[in-house]
Amino acid sequence: MSMTPVPPEMKRLVPFEMALRDVGMRYPEVTEDFPWGHRTLKVKGKAFVFMGVSGEGFFMSVKLPQSNGAALMLPFAQPTGYGLGKSGWVSASFGARDTPPVELLSKWLDESYRAVAPKKLVAQIGGEAGGTTAAPPAKARSAPARKSAPAAAKKTAAKKSAAKKAPARAKAR
């Protein structure tokens, strides 16, 4: 639940917020923060969703680089304020009597995560933006293989540098 107090008439929207929070937290390296009293999910320190329940209802803001045009045709969606709408951010708002479309909002969460997350993390879950509707559990990663030069090449390089230094020492004496 958001850090701000929720009026009694809006409490029925809290389970929708928690369901979408759970979807977002399944992505790799996601953290949760409450910078302005509302829930923010971040990947590598970059926000990919803002959401909360307040006296006005449930709201959610996500970055939708591919589907923002279609999203903005929905009656509950509008460009996110503070100039974020120009960058593809869309906000959805629902009142006390509304039922948020969790499946659609989960797809938006997915697209937003993929738009904000580093390519390596997106590769862990497969595909590109909008590729899946729900995040798979995070997978353990093994350390990358170390690249090393063949031993013979290292010895040759060491001999060459030693040969260059030896004449210089002889001249100095």
C-alpha atoms as a PDB file:
ATOM      1  CA  MET A   1       0.000   0.000   0.000  1.00  0.00           C
ATOM      2  CA  SER A   2       1.158   3.554  -0.609  1.00  0.00           C
ATOM      3  CA  MET A   3       2.690   5.498   2.216  1.00  0.00           C
ATOM      4  CA  THR A   4      -0.076   8.133   2.069  1.00  0.00           C
ATOM      5  CA  PRO A   5      -3.317   7.454   4.000  1.00  0.00           C
ATOM      6  CA  VAL A   6      -6.038   5.774   1.922  1.00  0.00           C
ATOM      7  CA  PRO A   7      -9.619   6.987   2.431  1.00  0.00           C
ATOM      8  CA  PRO A   8     -12.101   4.186   3.297  1.00  0.00           C
ATOM      9  CA  GLU A   9     -13.991   4.502  -0.012  1.00  0.00           C
ATOM     10  CA  MET A  10     -10.742   3.853  -1.925  1.00  0.00           C
ATOM     11  CA  LYS A  11      -9.578   0.807   0.041  1.00  0.00           C
ATOM     12  CA  ARG A  12     -11.175  -1.557  -2.503  1.00  0.00           C
ATOM     13  CA  LEU A  13      -8.505  -0.400  -4.996  1.00  0.00           C
ATOM     14  CA  VAL A  14      -5.563  -1.466  -2.798  1.00  0.00           C
ATOM     15  CA  PRO A  15      -5.646  -5.137  -3.975  1.00  0.00           C
ATOM     16  CA  PHE A  16      -5.249  -3.925  -7.585  1.00  0.00           C
ATOM     17  CA  GLU A  17      -2.182  -1.907  -6.604  1.00  0.00           C
ATOM     18  CA  MET A  18      -0.716  -4.881  -4.724  1.00  0.00           C
ATOM     19  CA  ALA A  19      -1.361  -7.283  -7.630  1.00  0.00           C
ATOM     20  CA  LEU A  20       0.460  -4.959 -10.045  1.00  0.00           C
ATOM     21  CA  ARG A  21       3.255  -4.429  -7.518  1.00  0.00           C
ATOM     22  CA  ASP A  22       3.727  -8.205  -7.360  1.00  0.00           C
ATOM     23  CA  VAL A  23       3.933  -8.378 -11.166  1.00  0.00           C
ATOM     24  CA  GLY A  24       6.562  -5.636 -11.244  1.00  0.00           C
ATOM     25  CA  MET A  25       8.656  -7.091  -8.421  1.00  0.00           C
ATOM     26  CA  ARG A  26       9.165 -10.357 -10.359  1.00  0.00           C
ATOM     27  CA  TYR A  27      11.411  -8.677 -12.918  1.00  0.00           C
ATOM     28  CA  PRO A  28      15.214  -8.916 -12.477  1.00  0.00           C
ATOM     29  CA  GLU A  29      16.868  -6.399 -10.148  1.00  0.00           C
ATOM     30  CA  VAL A  30      13.711  -4.418  -9.321  1.00  0.00           C
ATOM     31  CA  THR A  31      13.641  -2.330  -6.166  1.00  0.00           C
ATOM     32  CA  GLU A  32      10.777  -0.502  -4.507  1.00  0.00           C
ATOM     33  CA  ASP A  33      10.903   3.078  -3.283  1.00  0.00           C
ATOM     34  CA  PHE A  34       8.461   5.698  -1.981  1.00  0.00           C
ATOM     35  CA  PRO A  35      10.060   9.024  -3.005  1.00  0.00           C
ATOM     36  CA  TRP A  36       6.861  11.132  -2.887  1.00  0.00           C
ATOM     37  CA  GLY A  37       4.773   8.897  -0.664  1.00  0.00           C
ATOM     38  CA  HIS A  38       3.675   6.727  -3.602  1.00  0.00           C
ATOM     39  CA  ARG A  39       5.072   3.393  -4.717  1.00  0.00           C
ATOM     40  CA  THR A  40       7.822   3.520  -7.343  1.00  0.00           C
ATOM     41  CA  LEU A  41       9.383   0.430  -8.884  1.00  0.00           C
ATOM     42  CA  LYS A  42      12.896   0.903 -10.228  1.00  0.00           C
ATOM     43  CA  VAL A  43      15.446  -1.100 -12.163  1.00  0.00           C
ATOM     44  CA  LYS A  44      19.088  -0.097 -11.696  1.00  0.00           C
ATOM     45  CA  GLY A  45      17.873   3.095  -9.977  1.00  0.00           C
ATOM     46  CA  LYS A  46      15.622   4.155 -12.882  1.00  0.00           C
ATOM     47  CA  ALA A  47      11.860   4.286 -12.319  1.00  0.00           C
ATOM     48  CA  PHE A  48       9.668   2.272 -14.662  1.00  0.00           C
ATOM     49  CA  VAL A  49       6.357   2.635 -12.800  1.00  0.00           C
ATOM     50  CA  PHE A  50       4.783   5.036 -10.331  1.00  0.00           C
ATOM     51  CA  MET A  51       1.564   3.890  -8.673  1.00  0.00           C
ATOM     52  CA  GLY A  52      -0.600   4.410  -5.649  1.00  0.00           C
ATOM     53  CA  VAL A  53      -4.013   4.776  -4.097  1.00  0.00           C
ATOM     54  CA  SER A  54      -5.050   8.214  -2.856  1.00  0.00           C
ATOM     55  CA  GLY A  55      -8.213  10.156  -2.157  1.00  0.00           C
ATOM     56  CA  GLU A  56      -8.773  10.359  -5.912  1.00  0.00           C
ATOM     57  CA  GLY A  57      -8.399   6.621  -6.566  1.00  0.00           C
ATOM     58  CA  PHE A  58      -5.768   4.302  -8.018  1.00  0.00           C
ATOM     59  CA  PHE A  59      -3.216   5.677 -10.464  1.00  0.00           C
ATOM     60  CA  MET A  60      -0.340   4.189 -12.394  1.00  0.00           C
ATOM     61  CA  SER A  61       2.231   5.877 -14.667  1.00  0.00           C
ATOM     62  CA  VAL A  62       4.424   3.858 -17.045  1.00  0.00           C
ATOM     63  CA  LYS A  63       6.705   4.444 -20.027  1.00  0.00           C
ATOM     64  CA  LEU A  64       5.099   3.074 -23.204  1.00  0.00           C
ATOM     65  CA  PRO A  65       7.360   3.785 -26.184  1.00  0.00           C
ATOM     66  CA  GLN A  66       5.481   1.379 -28.508  1.00  0.00           C
ATOM     67  CA  SER A  67       1.868   1.467 -27.336  1.00  0.00           C
ATOM     68  CA  ASN A  68       1.407   4.973 -25.926  1.00  0.00           C
ATOM     69  CA  GLY A  69      -0.710   6.065 -28.917  1.00  0.00           C
ATOM     70  CA  ALA A  70      -3.179   3.214 -28.435  1.00  0.00           C
ATOM     71  CA  ALA A  71      -3.107   3.612 -24.641  1.00  0.00           C
ATOM     72  CA  LEU A  72      -4.001   7.291 -24.857  1.00  0.00           C
ATOM     73  CA  MET A  73      -7.222   6.429 -26.707  1.00  0.00           C
ATOM     74  CA  LEU A  74      -8.545   4.688 -23.583  1.00  0.00           C
ATOM     75  CA  PRO A  75     -10.871   6.771 -21.389  1.00  0.00           C
ATOM     76  CA  PHE A  76      -8.814   6.250 -18.216  1.00  0.00           C
ATOM     77  CA  ALA A  77      -5.425   7.170 -19.749  1.00  0.00           C
ATOM     78  CA  GLN A  78      -3.712  10.506 -20.295  1.00  0.00           C
ATOM     79  CA  PRO A  79      -0.136  11.703 -20.921  1.00  0.00           C
ATOM     80  CA  THR A  80       1.835  11.821 -17.671  1.00  0.00           C
ATOM     81  CA  GLY A  81       2.405  15.328 -16.363  1.00  0.00           C
ATOM     82  CA  TYR A  82       5.662  17.188 -15.715  1.00  0.00           C
ATOM     83  CA  GLY A  83       6.640  16.771 -19.369  1.00  0.00           C
ATOM     84  CA  LEU A  84       6.977  12.984 -19.090  1.00  0.00           C
ATOM     85  CA  GLY A  85       4.131  12.470 -21.570  1.00  0.00           C
ATOM     86  CA  LYS A  86       6.407  13.826 -24.317  1.00  0.00           C
ATOM     87  CA  SER A  87       8.736  10.874 -23.648  1.00  0.00           C
ATOM     88  CA  GLY A  88       5.993   8.258 -23.945  1.00  0.00           C
ATOM     89  CA  TRP A  89       4.879   8.125 -20.303  1.00  0.00           C
ATOM     90  CA  VAL A  90       1.171   7.380 -19.829  1.00  0.00           C
ATOM     91  CA  SER A  91      -0.885   7.682 -16.631  1.00  0.00           C
ATOM     92  CA  ALA A  92      -4.007   5.655 -15.891  1.00  0.00           C
ATOM     93  CA  SER A  93      -6.489   6.719 -13.219  1.00  0.00           C
ATOM     94  CA  PHE A  94      -9.361   4.785 -11.659  1.00  0.00           C
ATOM     95  CA  GLY A  95     -12.013   5.974  -9.207  1.00  0.00           C
ATOM     96  CA  ALA A  96     -13.539   4.127  -6.258  1.00  0.00           C
ATOM     97  CA  ARG A  97     -16.167   2.393  -8.419  1.00  0.00           C
ATOM     98  CA  ASP A  98     -13.833   1.494 -11.299  1.00  0.00           C
ATOM     99  CA  THR A  99     -12.224  -1.897 -11.831  1.00  0.00           C
ATOM    100  CA  PRO A 100      -8.698  -1.480 -13.205  1.00  0.00           C
ATOM    101  CA  PRO A 101      -7.901  -3.898 -16.100  1.00  0.00           C
ATOM    102  CA  VAL A 102      -5.043  -5.741 -14.375  1.00  0.00           C
ATOM    103  CA  GLU A 103      -4.127  -7.840 -17.423  1.00  0.00           C
ATOM    104  CA  LEU A 104      -3.716  -4.757 -19.644  1.00  0.00           C
ATOM    105  CA  LEU A 105      -1.866  -2.845 -16.922  1.00  0.00           C
ATOM    106  CA  SER A 106       0.459  -5.856 -16.470  1.00  0.00           C
ATOM    107  CA  LYS A 107       1.313  -5.646 -20.175  1.00  0.00           C
ATOM    108  CA  TRP A 108       2.034  -1.945 -19.740  1.00  0.00           C
ATOM    109  CA  LEU A 109       4.290  -2.750 -16.786  1.00  0.00           C
ATOM    110  CA  ASP A 110       6.165  -5.222 -18.975  1.00  0.00           C
ATOM    111  CA  GLU A 111       6.645  -2.708 -21.782  1.00  0.00           C
ATOM    112  CA  SER A 112       7.784  -0.050 -19.335  1.00  0.00           C
ATOM    113  CA  TYR A 113      10.314  -2.365 -17.649  1.00  0.00           C
ATOM    114  CA  ARG A 114      11.737  -3.340 -21.040  1.00  0.00           C
ATOM    115  CA  ALA A 115      11.956   0.329 -22.080  1.00  0.00           C
ATOM    116  CA  VAL A 116      13.882   1.369 -18.973  1.00  0.00           C
ATOM    117  CA  ALA A 117      15.950  -1.707 -18.019  1.00  0.00           C
ATOM    118  CA  PRO A 118      19.454  -2.308 -19.378  1.00  0.00           C
ATOM    119  CA  LYS A 119      19.557  -4.629 -22.408  1.00  0.00           C
ATOM    120  CA  LYS A 120      21.305  -7.368 -20.399  1.00  0.00           C
ATOM    121  CA  LEU A 121      18.377  -7.560 -17.963  1.00  0.00           C
ATOM    122  CA  VAL A 122      15.818  -7.529 -20.766  1.00  0.00           C
ATOM    123  CA  ALA A 123      17.723 -10.393 -22.399  1.00  0.00           C
ATOM    124  CA  GLN A 124      17.304 -12.422 -19.186  1.00  0.00           C
ATOM    125  CA  ILE A 125      13.524 -12.376 -19.577  1.00  0.00           C
ATOM    126  CA  GLY A 126      13.621 -12.813 -23.350  1.00  0.00           C
ATOM    127  CA  GLY A 127      12.363 -10.751 -26.235  1.00  0.00           C
ATOM    128  CA  GLU A 128      11.886  -7.039 -26.665  1.00  0.00           C
ATOM    129  CA  ALA A 129       9.382  -4.504 -25.350  1.00  0.00           C
ATOM    130  CA  GLY A 130       5.874  -5.917 -25.176  1.00  0.00           C
ATOM    131  CA  GLY A 131       7.123  -9.479 -25.673  1.00  0.00           C
ATOM    132  CA  THR A 132       5.513 -11.040 -22.608  1.00  0.00           C
ATOM    133  CA  THR A 133       2.627 -10.199 -20.348  1.00  0.00           C
ATOM    134  CA  ALA A 134       4.105 -11.281 -17.041  1.00  0.00           C
ATOM    135  CA  ALA A 135       7.630 -11.376 -15.754  1.00  0.00           C
ATOM    136  CA  PRO A 136       9.271 -14.743 -15.263  1.00  0.00           C
ATOM    137  CA  PRO A 137      11.110 -15.363 -12.016  1.00  0.00           C
ATOM    138  CA  ALA A 138      14.627 -13.948 -11.991  1.00  0.00           C
ATOM    139  CA  LYS A 139      17.269 -16.470 -13.005  1.00  0.00           C
ATOM    140  CA  ALA A 140      20.650 -16.933 -11.362  1.00  0.00           C
ATOM    141  CA  ARG A 141      23.501 -15.860 -13.609  1.00  0.00           C
ATOM    142  CA  SER A 142      26.907 -17.429 -13.807  1.00  0.00           C
ATOM    143  CA  ALA A 143      30.045 -15.317 -14.022  1.00  0.00           C
ATOM    144  CA  PRO A 144      31.182 -14.537 -17.561  1.00  0.00           C
ATOM    145  CA  ALA A 145      34.110 -16.567 -18.885  1.00  0.00           C
ATOM    146  CA  ARG A 146      37.487 -14.846 -18.640  1.00  0.00           C
ATOM    147  CA  LYS A 147      39.315 -14.146 -21.833  1.00  0.00           C
ATOM    148  CA  SER A 148      43.035 -14.858 -21.669  1.00  0.00           C
ATOM    149  CA  ALA A 149      45.788 -14.929 -24.225  1.00  0.00           C
ATOM    150  CA  PRO A 150      47.498 -18.248 -24.877  1.00  0.00           C
ATOM    151  CA  ALA A 151      50.465 -18.886 -22.593  1.00  0.00           C
ATOM    152  CA  ALA A 152      52.930 -18.978 -25.506  1.00  0.00           C
ATOM    153  CA  ALA A 153      51.903 -15.494 -26.635  1.00  0.00           C
ATOM    154  CA  LYS A 154      52.385 -14.132 -23.106  1.00  0.00           C
ATOM    155  CA  LYS A 155      55.923 -15.593 -22.900  1.00  0.00           C
ATOM    156  CA  THR A 156      56.863 -14.159 -26.298  1.00  0.00           C
ATOM    157  CA  ALA A 157      55.664 -10.695 -25.283  1.00  0.00           C
ATOM    158  CA  ALA A 158      57.613 -10.889 -22.027  1.00  0.00           C
ATOM    159  CA  LYS A 159      60.822 -11.899 -23.876  1.00  0.00           C
ATOM    160  CA  LYS A 160      60.456  -9.004 -26.346  1.00  0.00           C
ATOM    161  CA  SER A 161      60.065  -6.400 -23.605  1.00  0.00           C
ATOM    162  CA  ALA A 162      63.042  -7.865 -21.693  1.00  0.00           C
ATOM    163  CA  ALA A 163      65.177  -7.714 -24.859  1.00  0.00           C
ATOM    164  CA  LYS A 164      64.316  -4.048 -25.375  1.00  0.00           C
ATOM    165  CA  LYS A 165      65.245  -3.134 -21.796  1.00  0.00           C
ATOM    166  CA  ALA A 166      68.592  -4.994 -21.745  1.00  0.00           C
ATOM    167  CA  PRO A 167      70.395  -2.890 -24.403  1.00  0.00           C
ATOM    168  CA  ALA A 168      69.211   0.316 -22.755  1.00  0.00           C
ATOM    169  CA  ARG A 169      70.811  -0.741 -19.451  1.00  0.00           C
ATOM    170  CA  ALA A 170      74.066  -1.650 -21.169  1.00  0.00           C
ATOM    171  CA  LYS A 171      74.306   1.762 -22.839  1.00  0.00           C
ATOM    172  CA  ALA A 172      73.663   3.570 -19.572  1.00  0.00           C
ATOM    173  CA  ARG A 173      76.737   1.985 -17.917  1.00  0.00           C
END
